[in-house]
Amino acid sequence: ILVLPPRLTASARTLRATALRRGLRIVEATASAVPEGLGSPGWAEG
């Protein structure tokens, strides 16, 4: 998983596209906080 912040720079968008092409899962936050579902108890199983 690659976690990204709410606002992406041009470089971040390039890395996001590269990560997707390489099979990584992308999680983009909607605020400056832990993305919903990540970090909570049992989130790995989720």
All heavy atoms as atom14 arrays in JSON, in Angstrom:
{
  "sequence": "ILVLPPRLTASARTLRATALRRGLRIVEATASAVPEGLGSPGWAEG",
  "atom14_mask": [
    [1, 1, 1, 1, 1, 1, 1, 1, 0, 0, 0, 0, 0, 0],
    [1, 1, 1, 1, 1, 1, 1, 1, 0, 0, 0, 0, 0, 0],
    [1, 1, 1, 1, 1, 1, 1, 0, 0, 0, 0, 0, 0, 0],
    [1, 1, 1, 1, 1, 1, 1, 1, 0, 0, 0, 0, 0, 0],
    [1, 1, 1, 1, 1, 1, 1, 0, 0, 0, 0, 0, 0, 0],
    [1, 1, 1, 1, 1, 1, 1, 0, 0, 0, 0, 0, 0, 0],
    [1, 1, 1, 1, 1, 1, 1, 1, 1, 1, 1, 0, 0, 0],
    [1, 1, 1, 1, 1, 1, 1, 1, 0, 0, 0, 0, 0, 0],
    [1, 1, 1, 1, 1, 1, 1, 0, 0, 0, 0, 0, 0, 0],
    [1, 1, 1, 1, 1, 0, 0, 0, 0, 0, 0, 0, 0, 0],
    [1, 1, 1, 1, 1, 1, 0, 0, 0, 0, 0, 0, 0, 0],
    [1, 1, 1, 1, 1, 0, 0, 0, 0, 0, 0, 0, 0, 0],
    [1, 1, 1, 1, 1, 1, 1, 1, 1, 1, 1, 0, 0, 0],
    [1, 1, 1, 1, 1, 1, 1, 0, 0, 0, 0, 0, 0, 0],
    [1, 1, 1, 1, 1, 1, 1, 1, 0, 0, 0, 0, 0, 0],
    [1, 1, 1, 1, 1, 1, 1, 1, 1, 1, 1, 0, 0, 0],
    [1, 1, 1, 1, 1, 0, 0, 0, 0, 0, 0, 0, 0, 0],
    [1, 1, 1, 1, 1, 1, 1, 0, 0, 0, 0, 0, 0, 0],
    [1, 1, 1, 1, 1, 0, 0, 0, 0, 0, 0, 0, 0, 0],
    [1, 1, 1, 1, 1, 1, 1, 1, 0, 0, 0, 0, 0, 0],
    [1, 1, 1, 1, 1, 1, 1, 1, 1, 1, 1, 0, 0, 0],
    [1, 1, 1, 1, 1, 1, 1, 1, 1, 1, 1, 0, 0, 0],
    [1, 1, 1, 1, 0, 0, 0, 0, 0, 0, 0, 0, 0, 0],
    [1, 1, 1, 1, 1, 1, 1, 1, 0, 0, 0, 0, 0, 0],
    [1, 1, 1, 1, 1, 1, 1, 1, 1, 1, 1, 0, 0, 0],
    [1, 1, 1, 1, 1, 1, 1, 1, 0, 0, 0, 0, 0, 0],
    [1, 1, 1, 1, 1, 1, 1, 0, 0, 0, 0, 0, 0, 0],
    [1, 1, 1, 1, 1, 1, 1, 1, 1, 0, 0, 0, 0, 0],
    [1, 1, 1, 1, 1, 0, 0, 0, 0, 0, 0, 0, 0, 0],
    [1, 1, 1, 1, 1, 1, 1, 0, 0, 0, 0, 0, 0, 0],
    [1, 1, 1, 1, 1, 0, 0, 0, 0, 0, 0, 0, 0, 0],
    [1, 1, 1, 1, 1, 1, 0, 0, 0, 0, 0, 0, 0, 0],
    [1, 1, 1, 1, 1, 0, 0, 0, 0, 0, 0, 0, 0, 0],
    [1, 1, 1, 1, 1, 1, 1, 0, 0, 0, 0, 0, 0, 0],
    [1, 1, 1, 1, 1, 1, 1, 0, 0, 0, 0, 0, 0, 0],
    [1, 1, 1, 1, 1, 1, 1, 1, 1, 0, 0, 0, 0, 0],
    [1, 1, 1, 1, 0, 0, 0, 0, 0, 0, 0, 0, 0, 0],
    [1, 1, 1, 1, 1, 1, 1, 1, 0, 0, 0, 0, 0, 0],
    [1, 1, 1, 1, 0, 0, 0, 0, 0, 0, 0, 0, 0, 0],
    [1, 1, 1, 1, 1, 1, 0, 0, 0, 0, 0, 0, 0, 0],
    [1, 1, 1, 1, 1, 1, 1, 0, 0, 0, 0, 0, 0, 0],
    [1, 1, 1, 1, 0, 0, 0, 0, 0, 0, 0, 0, 0, 0],
    [1, 1, 1, 1, 1, 1, 1, 1, 1, 1, 1, 1, 1, 1],
    [1, 1, 1, 1, 1, 0, 0, 0, 0, 0, 0, 0, 0, 0],
    [1, 1, 1, 1, 1, 1, 1, 1, 1, 0, 0, 0, 0, 0],
    [1, 1, 1, 1, 0, 0, 0, 0, 0, 0, 0, 0, 0, 0]
  ],
  "atom14_positions": [
    [[0.85, -1.18, 0.0], [0.0, 0.0, 0.0], [0.89, 1.24, 0.0], [1.86, 1.32, 0.76], [-0.92, 0.02, 1.24], [-1.85, -1.19, 1.22], [-1.73, 1.32, 1.31], [-2.6, -1.38, 2.53], [0.0, 0.0, 0.0], [0.0, 0.0, 0.0], [0.0, 0.0, 0.0], [0.0, 0.0, 0.0], [0.0, 0.0, 0.0], [0.0, 0.0, 0.0]],
    [[0.55, 2.22, -0.83], [1.22, 3.52, -0.81], [0.19, 4.56, -0.4], [-0.81, 4.78, -1.09], [1.8, 3.86, -2.18], [2.5, 5.22, -2.28], [3.73, 5.27, -1.37], [2.92, 5.51, -3.74], [0.0, 0.0, 0.0], [0.0, 0.0, 0.0], [0.0, 0.0, 0.0], [0.0, 0.0, 0.0], [0.0, 0.0, 0.0], [0.0, 0.0, 0.0]],
    [[0.42, 5.21, 0.74], [-0.48, 6.24, 1.25], [-0.01, 7.6, 0.74], [1.19, 7.94, 0.83], [-0.51, 6.23, 2.79], [-1.41, 7.34, 3.32], [-0.97, 4.87, 3.31], [0.0, 0.0, 0.0], [0.0, 0.0, 0.0], [0.0, 0.0, 0.0], [0.0, 0.0, 0.0], [0.0, 0.0, 0.0], [0.0, 0.0, 0.0], [0.0, 0.0, 0.0]],
    [[-0.94, 8.38, 0.22], [-0.64, 9.7, -0.34], [-1.49, 10.76, 0.37], [-2.58, 10.46, 0.87], [-0.94, 9.73, -1.84], [-0.1, 8.78, -2.7], [-0.63, 8.76, -4.13], [1.37, 9.19, -2.69], [0.0, 0.0, 0.0], [0.0, 0.0, 0.0], [0.0, 0.0, 0.0], [0.0, 0.0, 0.0], [0.0, 0.0, 0.0], [0.0, 0.0, 0.0]],
    [[-1.03, 12.01, 0.4], [-1.75, 13.09, 1.08], [-2.92, 13.59, 0.24], [-3.09, 13.19, -0.92], [-0.68, 14.16, 1.25], [0.21, 13.96, 0.06], [0.26, 12.47, -0.17], [0.0, 0.0, 0.0], [0.0, 0.0, 0.0], [0.0, 0.0, 0.0], [0.0, 0.0, 0.0], [0.0, 0.0, 0.0], [0.0, 0.0, 0.0], [0.0, 0.0, 0.0]],
    [[-3.72, 14.51, 0.79], [-4.9, 15.0, 0.07], [-4.58, 15.72, -1.23], [-5.28, 15.57, -2.22], [-5.57, 15.94, 1.07], [-5.03, 15.54, 2.4], [-3.64, 15.04, 2.16], [0.0, 0.0, 0.0], [0.0, 0.0, 0.0], [0.0, 0.0, 0.0], [0.0, 0.0, 0.0], [0.0, 0.0, 0.0], [0.0, 0.0, 0.0], [0.0, 0.0, 0.0]],
    [[-3.54, 16.54, -1.23], [-3.19, 17.32, -2.43], [-1.89, 16.79, -3.02], [-0.87, 16.77, -2.34], [-3.08, 18.81, -2.08], [-4.42, 19.44, -1.74], [-4.28, 20.87, -1.27], [-3.58, 20.94, 0.01], [-4.18, 20.76, 1.19], [-5.47, 20.46, 1.24], [-3.5, 20.84, 2.31], [0.0, 0.0, 0.0], [0.0, 0.0, 0.0], [0.0, 0.0, 0.0]],
    [[-1.95, 16.41, -4.29], [-0.8, 15.78, -4.92], [-0.05, 16.77, -5.81], [-0.65, 17.49, -6.6], [-1.24, 14.58, -5.77], [-1.98, 13.45, -5.03], [-2.23, 12.3, -5.99], [-1.19, 12.98, -3.82], [0.0, 0.0, 0.0], [0.0, 0.0, 0.0], [0.0, 0.0, 0.0], [0.0, 0.0, 0.0], [0.0, 0.0, 0.0], [0.0, 0.0, 0.0]],
    [[1.27, 16.76, -5.69], [2.11, 17.52, -6.61], [2.22, 16.74, -7.92], [1.8, 15.58, -8.02], [3.51, 17.69, -6.02], [4.11, 16.39, -5.86], [3.46, 18.4, -4.66], [0.0, 0.0, 0.0], [0.0, 0.0, 0.0], [0.0, 0.0, 0.0], [0.0, 0.0, 0.0], [0.0, 0.0, 0.0], [0.0, 0.0, 0.0], [0.0, 0.0, 0.0]],
    [[2.79, 17.38, -8.93], [3.0, 16.69, -10.21], [3.87, 15.45, -10.0], [3.63, 14.39, -10.59], [3.64, 17.63, -11.2], [0.0, 0.0, 0.0], [0.0, 0.0, 0.0], [0.0, 0.0, 0.0], [0.0, 0.0, 0.0], [0.0, 0.0, 0.0], [0.0, 0.0, 0.0], [0.0, 0.0, 0.0], [0.0, 0.0, 0.0], [0.0, 0.0, 0.0]],
    [[4.88, 15.57, -9.13], [5.75, 14.43, -8.85], [4.99, 13.31, -8.18], [5.18, 12.13, -8.5], [6.89, 14.88, -7.92], [8.13, 14.76, -8.56], [0.0, 0.0, 0.0], [0.0, 0.0, 0.0], [0.0, 0.0, 0.0], [0.0, 0.0, 0.0], [0.0, 0.0, 0.0], [0.0, 0.0, 0.0], [0.0, 0.0, 0.0], [0.0, 0.0, 0.0]],
    [[4.12, 13.66, -7.23], [3.34, 12.65, -6.54], [2.4, 11.92, -7.5], [2.2, 10.71, -7.38], [2.55, 13.28, -5.39], [0.0, 0.0, 0.0], [0.0, 0.0, 0.0], [0.0, 0.0, 0.0], [0.0, 0.0, 0.0], [0.0, 0.0, 0.0], [0.0, 0.0, 0.0], [0.0, 0.0, 0.0], [0.0, 0.0, 0.0], [0.0, 0.0, 0.0]],
    [[1.86, 12.66, -8.45], [0.98, 12.01, -9.44], [1.77, 11.04, -10.31], [1.29, 9.96, -10.67], [0.27, 13.07, -10.29], [-0.79, 13.86, -9.53], [-1.66, 14.65, -10.47], [-0.94, 15.75, -11.1], [-0.82, 16.98, -10.58], [-1.4, 17.25, -9.4], [-0.16, 17.91, -11.21], [0.0, 0.0, 0.0], [0.0, 0.0, 0.0], [0.0, 0.0, 0.0]],
    [[3.01, 11.42, -10.64], [3.86, 10.51, -11.41], [4.16, 9.25, -10.62], [4.09, 8.13, -11.15], [5.18, 11.22, -11.78], [4.9, 12.33, -12.62], [6.13, 10.27, -12.5], [0.0, 0.0, 0.0], [0.0, 0.0, 0.0], [0.0, 0.0, 0.0], [0.0, 0.0, 0.0], [0.0, 0.0, 0.0], [0.0, 0.0, 0.0], [0.0, 0.0, 0.0]],
    [[4.49, 9.41, -9.33], [4.78, 8.24, -8.5], [3.54, 7.4, -8.28], [3.61, 6.17, -8.22], [5.38, 8.69, -7.17], [6.79, 9.27, -7.24], [7.25, 9.72, -5.85], [7.78, 8.27, -7.81], [0.0, 0.0, 0.0], [0.0, 0.0, 0.0], [0.0, 0.0, 0.0], [0.0, 0.0, 0.0], [0.0, 0.0, 0.0], [0.0, 0.0, 0.0]],
    [[2.37, 8.04, -8.18], [1.12, 7.29, -8.03], [0.88, 6.41, -9.26], [0.56, 5.21, -9.13], [-0.06, 8.24, -7.84], [-1.42, 7.53, -7.75], [-2.56, 8.51, -7.61], [-2.65, 9.41, -8.76], [-3.54, 10.4, -8.86], [-4.4, 10.62, -7.87], [-3.55, 11.17, -9.93], [0.0, 0.0, 0.0], [0.0, 0.0, 0.0], [0.0, 0.0, 0.0]],
    [[1.06, 6.99, -10.46], [0.86, 6.22, -11.69], [1.86, 5.07, -11.78], [1.52, 3.96, -12.2], [0.99, 7.14, -12.9], [0.0, 0.0, 0.0], [0.0, 0.0, 0.0], [0.0, 0.0, 0.0], [0.0, 0.0, 0.0], [0.0, 0.0, 0.0], [0.0, 0.0, 0.0], [0.0, 0.0, 0.0], [0.0, 0.0, 0.0], [0.0, 0.0, 0.0]],
    [[3.08, 5.33, -11.37], [4.11, 4.3, -11.4], [3.78, 3.18, -10.42], [3.93, 1.98, -10.74], [5.48, 4.91, -11.05], [5.77, 5.97, -11.97], [6.59, 3.87, -11.13], [0.0, 0.0, 0.0], [0.0, 0.0, 0.0], [0.0, 0.0, 0.0], [0.0, 0.0, 0.0], [0.0, 0.0, 0.0], [0.0, 0.0, 0.0], [0.0, 0.0, 0.0]],
    [[3.32, 3.55, -9.22], [2.97, 2.56, -8.21], [1.8, 1.69, -8.68], [1.81, 0.47, -8.5], [2.63, 3.25, -6.9], [0.0, 0.0, 0.0], [0.0, 0.0, 0.0], [0.0, 0.0, 0.0], [0.0, 0.0, 0.0], [0.0, 0.0, 0.0], [0.0, 0.0, 0.0], [0.0, 0.0, 0.0], [0.0, 0.0, 0.0], [0.0, 0.0, 0.0]],
    [[0.8, 2.32, -9.28], [-0.35, 1.55, -9.78], [0.1, 0.57, -10.86], [-0.35, -0.58, -10.89], [-1.41, 2.51, -10.33], [-2.23, 3.27, -9.28], [-3.06, 4.36, -9.94], [-3.14, 2.31, -8.51], [0.0, 0.0, 0.0], [0.0, 0.0, 0.0], [0.0, 0.0, 0.0], [0.0, 0.0, 0.0], [0.0, 0.0, 0.0], [0.0, 0.0, 0.0]],
    [[0.97, 1.03, -11.74], [1.45, 0.17, -12.81], [2.22, -1.02, -12.25], [2.2, -2.11, -12.83], [2.33, 0.98, -13.77], [2.92, 0.17, -14.92], [3.57, 1.06, -15.96], [4.45, 2.06, -15.39], [5.68, 1.83, -14.95], [6.18, 0.6, -15.0], [6.43, 2.81, -14.46], [0.0, 0.0, 0.0], [0.0, 0.0, 0.0], [0.0, 0.0, 0.0]],
    [[2.85, -0.83, -11.11], [3.64, -1.89, -10.49], [2.81, -2.74, -9.53], [3.36, -3.62, -8.86], [4.85, -1.29, -9.78], [5.82, -0.66, -10.76], [7.03, -0.07, -10.09], [7.8, -1.06, -9.36], [9.06, -0.86, -8.97], [9.68, 0.27, -9.27], [9.7, -1.79, -8.29], [0.0, 0.0, 0.0], [0.0, 0.0, 0.0], [0.0, 0.0, 0.0]],
    [[1.52, -2.46, -9.44], [0.64, -3.31, -8.66], [0.44, -2.92, -7.22], [-0.17, -3.67, -6.45], [0.0, 0.0, 0.0], [0.0, 0.0, 0.0], [0.0, 0.0, 0.0], [0.0, 0.0, 0.0], [0.0, 0.0, 0.0], [0.0, 0.0, 0.0], [0.0, 0.0, 0.0], [0.0, 0.0, 0.0], [0.0, 0.0, 0.0], [0.0, 0.0, 0.0]],
    [[0.89, -1.73, -6.81], [0.65, -1.29, -5.45], [-0.78, -0.79, -5.32], [-1.37, -0.28, -6.27], [1.61, -0.17, -5.06], [3.0, -0.58, -4.55], [3.87, -1.06, -5.7], [3.66, 0.57, -3.8], [0.0, 0.0, 0.0], [0.0, 0.0, 0.0], [0.0, 0.0, 0.0], [0.0, 0.0, 0.0], [0.0, 0.0, 0.0], [0.0, 0.0, 0.0]],
    [[-1.33, -0.92, -4.13], [-2.63, -0.34, -3.85], [-2.41, 1.11, -3.38], [-1.53, 1.36, -2.55], [-3.36, -1.12, -2.76], [-4.68, -0.48, -2.34], [-5.3, -1.2, -1.16], [-6.36, -0.41, -0.58], [-6.94, -0.67, 0.58], [-6.54, -1.71, 1.3], [-7.91, 0.09, 1.04], [0.0, 0.0, 0.0], [0.0, 0.0, 0.0], [0.0, 0.0, 0.0]],
    [[-3.17, 2.06, -3.9], [-3.04, 3.46, -3.53], [-4.16, 3.85, -2.57], [-5.33, 3.56, -2.82], [-3.09, 4.38, -4.77], [-1.99, 3.99, -5.76], [-2.97, 5.85, -4.36], [-0.58, 4.13, -5.23], [0.0, 0.0, 0.0], [0.0, 0.0, 0.0], [0.0, 0.0, 0.0], [0.0, 0.0, 0.0], [0.0, 0.0, 0.0], [0.0, 0.0, 0.0]],
    [[-3.79, 4.5, -1.48], [-4.77, 5.07, -0.55], [-4.49, 6.56, -0.47], [-3.42, 6.97, -0.02], [-4.68, 4.42, 0.85], [-5.62, 5.13, 1.82], [-5.0, 2.95, 0.78], [0.0, 0.0, 0.0], [0.0, 0.0, 0.0], [0.0, 0.0, 0.0], [0.0, 0.0, 0.0], [0.0, 0.0, 0.0], [0.0, 0.0, 0.0], [0.0, 0.0, 0.0]],
    [[-5.44, 7.37, -0.92], [-5.3, 8.83, -0.87], [-6.14, 9.38, 0.27], [-7.34, 9.12, 0.35], [-5.72, 9.45, -2.2], [-4.8, 9.09, -3.35], [-5.17, 9.79, -4.65], [-5.5, 10.99, -4.61], [-5.16, 9.12, -5.7], [0.0, 0.0, 0.0], [0.0, 0.0, 0.0], [0.0, 0.0, 0.0], [0.0, 0.0, 0.0], [0.0, 0.0, 0.0]],
    [[-5.5, 10.14, 1.13], [-6.21, 10.72, 2.27], [-7.07, 11.89, 1.81], [-6.79, 12.55, 0.81], [-5.21, 11.19, 3.31], [0.0, 0.0, 0.0], [0.0, 0.0, 0.0], [0.0, 0.0, 0.0], [0.0, 0.0, 0.0], [0.0, 0.0, 0.0], [0.0, 0.0, 0.0], [0.0, 0.0, 0.0], [0.0, 0.0, 0.0], [0.0, 0.0, 0.0]],
    [[-8.12, 12.16, 2.56], [-8.98, 13.31, 2.27], [-8.73, 14.44, 3.25], [-9.3, 15.5, 3.14], [-10.47, 12.91, 2.34], [-10.73, 12.33, 3.62], [-10.79, 11.89, 1.25], [0.0, 0.0, 0.0], [0.0, 0.0, 0.0], [0.0, 0.0, 0.0], [0.0, 0.0, 0.0], [0.0, 0.0, 0.0], [0.0, 0.0, 0.0], [0.0, 0.0, 0.0]],
    [[-7.87, 14.22, 4.23], [-7.5, 15.25, 5.2], [-6.16, 14.86, 5.8], [-5.66, 13.76, 5.56], [-8.57, 15.36, 6.29], [0.0, 0.0, 0.0], [0.0, 0.0, 0.0], [0.0, 0.0, 0.0], [0.0, 0.0, 0.0], [0.0, 0.0, 0.0], [0.0, 0.0, 0.0], [0.0, 0.0, 0.0], [0.0, 0.0, 0.0], [0.0, 0.0, 0.0]],
    [[-5.59, 15.76, 6.58], [-4.29, 15.48, 7.2], [-4.48, 14.6, 8.43], [-4.27, 15.0, 9.57], [-3.59, 16.79, 7.57], [-3.25, 17.5, 6.41], [0.0, 0.0, 0.0], [0.0, 0.0, 0.0], [0.0, 0.0, 0.0], [0.0, 0.0, 0.0], [0.0, 0.0, 0.0], [0.0, 0.0, 0.0], [0.0, 0.0, 0.0], [0.0, 0.0, 0.0]],
    [[-4.92, 13.38, 8.18], [-5.16, 12.42, 9.25], [-5.0, 11.02, 8.68], [-4.84, 10.84, 7.48], [-6.57, 12.6, 9.83], [0.0, 0.0, 0.0], [0.0, 0.0, 0.0], [0.0, 0.0, 0.0], [0.0, 0.0, 0.0], [0.0, 0.0, 0.0], [0.0, 0.0, 0.0], [0.0, 0.0, 0.0], [0.0, 0.0, 0.0], [0.0, 0.0, 0.0]],
    [[-5.03, 10.03, 9.56], [-4.9, 8.65, 9.11], [-6.09, 8.32, 8.21], [-7.24, 8.55, 8.6], [-4.89, 7.68, 10.31], [-4.77, 6.24, 9.83], [-3.73, 8.02, 11.23], [0.0, 0.0, 0.0], [0.0, 0.0, 0.0], [0.0, 0.0, 0.0], [0.0, 0.0, 0.0], [0.0, 0.0, 0.0], [0.0, 0.0, 0.0], [0.0, 0.0, 0.0]],
    [[-5.87, 7.84, 6.99], [-6.98, 7.5, 6.1], [-7.95, 6.54, 6.77], [-7.54, 5.64, 7.5], [-6.27, 6.85, 4.89], [-4.9, 7.43, 4.9], [-4.56, 7.61, 6.36], [0.0, 0.0, 0.0], [0.0, 0.0, 0.0], [0.0, 0.0, 0.0], [0.0, 0.0, 0.0], [0.0, 0.0, 0.0], [0.0, 0.0, 0.0], [0.0, 0.0, 0.0]],
    [[-9.23, 6.75, 6.54], [-10.26, 5.96, 7.18], [-10.04, 4.47, 6.94], [-9.82, 4.03, 5.82], [-11.64, 6.37, 6.64], [-12.79, 5.68, 7.35], [-14.14, 6.19, 6.86], [-14.16, 7.13, 6.03], [-15.16, 5.62, 7.29], [0.0, 0.0, 0.0], [0.0, 0.0, 0.0], [0.0, 0.0, 0.0], [0.0, 0.0, 0.0], [0.0, 0.0, 0.0]],
    [[-10.11, 3.71, 8.01], [-9.95, 2.26, 7.91], [-8.53, 1.79, 8.16], [-8.31, 0.68, 8.62], [0.0, 0.0, 0.0], [0.0, 0.0, 0.0], [0.0, 0.0, 0.0], [0.0, 0.0, 0.0], [0.0, 0.0, 0.0], [0.0, 0.0, 0.0], [0.0, 0.0, 0.0], [0.0, 0.0, 0.0], [0.0, 0.0, 0.0], [0.0, 0.0, 0.0]],
    [[-7.54, 2.64, 7.86], [-6.14, 2.26, 8.1], [-5.77, 2.6, 9.54], [-6.13, 3.65, 10.05], [-5.2, 3.0, 7.15], [-5.31, 2.68, 5.67], [-4.2, 3.38, 4.91], [-5.23, 1.19, 5.42], [0.0, 0.0, 0.0], [0.0, 0.0, 0.0], [0.0, 0.0, 0.0], [0.0, 0.0, 0.0], [0.0, 0.0, 0.0], [0.0, 0.0, 0.0]],
    [[-5.04, 1.73, 10.16], [-4.57, 2.0, 11.51], [-5.54, 1.6, 12.6], [-5.17, 1.54, 13.77], [0.0, 0.0, 0.0], [0.0, 0.0, 0.0], [0.0, 0.0, 0.0], [0.0, 0.0, 0.0], [0.0, 0.0, 0.0], [0.0, 0.0, 0.0], [0.0, 0.0, 0.0], [0.0, 0.0, 0.0], [0.0, 0.0, 0.0], [0.0, 0.0, 0.0]],
    [[-6.79, 1.33, 12.27], [-7.75, 0.91, 13.28], [-7.53, -0.56, 13.62], [-6.91, -1.3, 12.86], [-9.18, 1.11, 12.75], [-9.39, 0.36, 11.57], [0.0, 0.0, 0.0], [0.0, 0.0, 0.0], [0.0, 0.0, 0.0], [0.0, 0.0, 0.0], [0.0, 0.0, 0.0], [0.0, 0.0, 0.0], [0.0, 0.0, 0.0], [0.0, 0.0, 0.0]],
    [[-8.04, -1.0, 14.8], [-7.86, -2.4, 15.18], [-8.38, -3.34, 14.08], [-9.48, -3.2, 13.58], [-8.7, -2.51, 16.46], [-8.69, -1.12, 17.02], [-8.73, -0.22, 15.82], [0.0, 0.0, 0.0], [0.0, 0.0, 0.0], [0.0, 0.0, 0.0], [0.0, 0.0, 0.0], [0.0, 0.0, 0.0], [0.0, 0.0, 0.0], [0.0, 0.0, 0.0]],
    [[-7.54, -4.28, 13.7], [-7.95, -5.27, 12.7], [-7.96, -4.75, 11.28], [-8.47, -5.41, 10.39], [0.0, 0.0, 0.0], [0.0, 0.0, 0.0], [0.0, 0.0, 0.0], [0.0, 0.0, 0.0], [0.0, 0.0, 0.0], [0.0, 0.0, 0.0], [0.0, 0.0, 0.0], [0.0, 0.0, 0.0], [0.0, 0.0, 0.0], [0.0, 0.0, 0.0]],
    [[-7.34, -3.56, 11.06], [-7.42, -3.0, 9.7], [-6.7, -3.86, 8.68], [-7.09, -3.94, 7.52], [-6.88, -1.57, 9.66], [-5.39, -1.45, 9.74], [-4.63, -1.38, 10.85], [-4.48, -1.38, 8.64], [-3.31, -1.28, 10.55], [-3.18, -1.26, 9.19], [-4.63, -1.4, 7.26], [-2.04, -1.17, 8.41], [-3.48, -1.29, 6.47], [-2.22, -1.18, 7.05]],
    [[-5.64, -4.55, 9.08], [-4.92, -5.42, 8.13], [-5.83, -6.54, 7.64], [-5.87, -6.86, 6.45], [-3.68, -6.01, 8.8], [0.0, 0.0, 0.0], [0.0, 0.0, 0.0], [0.0, 0.0, 0.0], [0.0, 0.0, 0.0], [0.0, 0.0, 0.0], [0.0, 0.0, 0.0], [0.0, 0.0, 0.0], [0.0, 0.0, 0.0], [0.0, 0.0, 0.0]],
    [[-6.61, -7.11, 8.6], [-7.53, -8.14, 8.2], [-8.62, -7.58, 7.29], [-9.12, -8.24, 6.39], [-8.17, -8.79, 9.44], [-7.21, -9.65, 10.24], [-6.25, -8.84, 11.1], [-6.4, -7.61, 11.17], [-5.33, -9.44, 11.7], [0.0, 0.0, 0.0], [0.0, 0.0, 0.0], [0.0, 0.0, 0.0], [0.0, 0.0, 0.0], [0.0, 0.0, 0.0]],
    [[-8.96, -6.29, 7.54], [-10.01, -5.66, 6.75], [-9.67, -5.53, 5.29], [-10.55, -5.47, 4.43], [0.0, 0.0, 0.0], [0.0, 0.0, 0.0], [0.0, 0.0, 0.0], [0.0, 0.0, 0.0], [0.0, 0.0, 0.0], [0.0, 0.0, 0.0], [0.0, 0.0, 0.0], [0.0, 0.0, 0.0], [0.0, 0.0, 0.0], [0.0, 0.0, 0.0]]
  ]
}
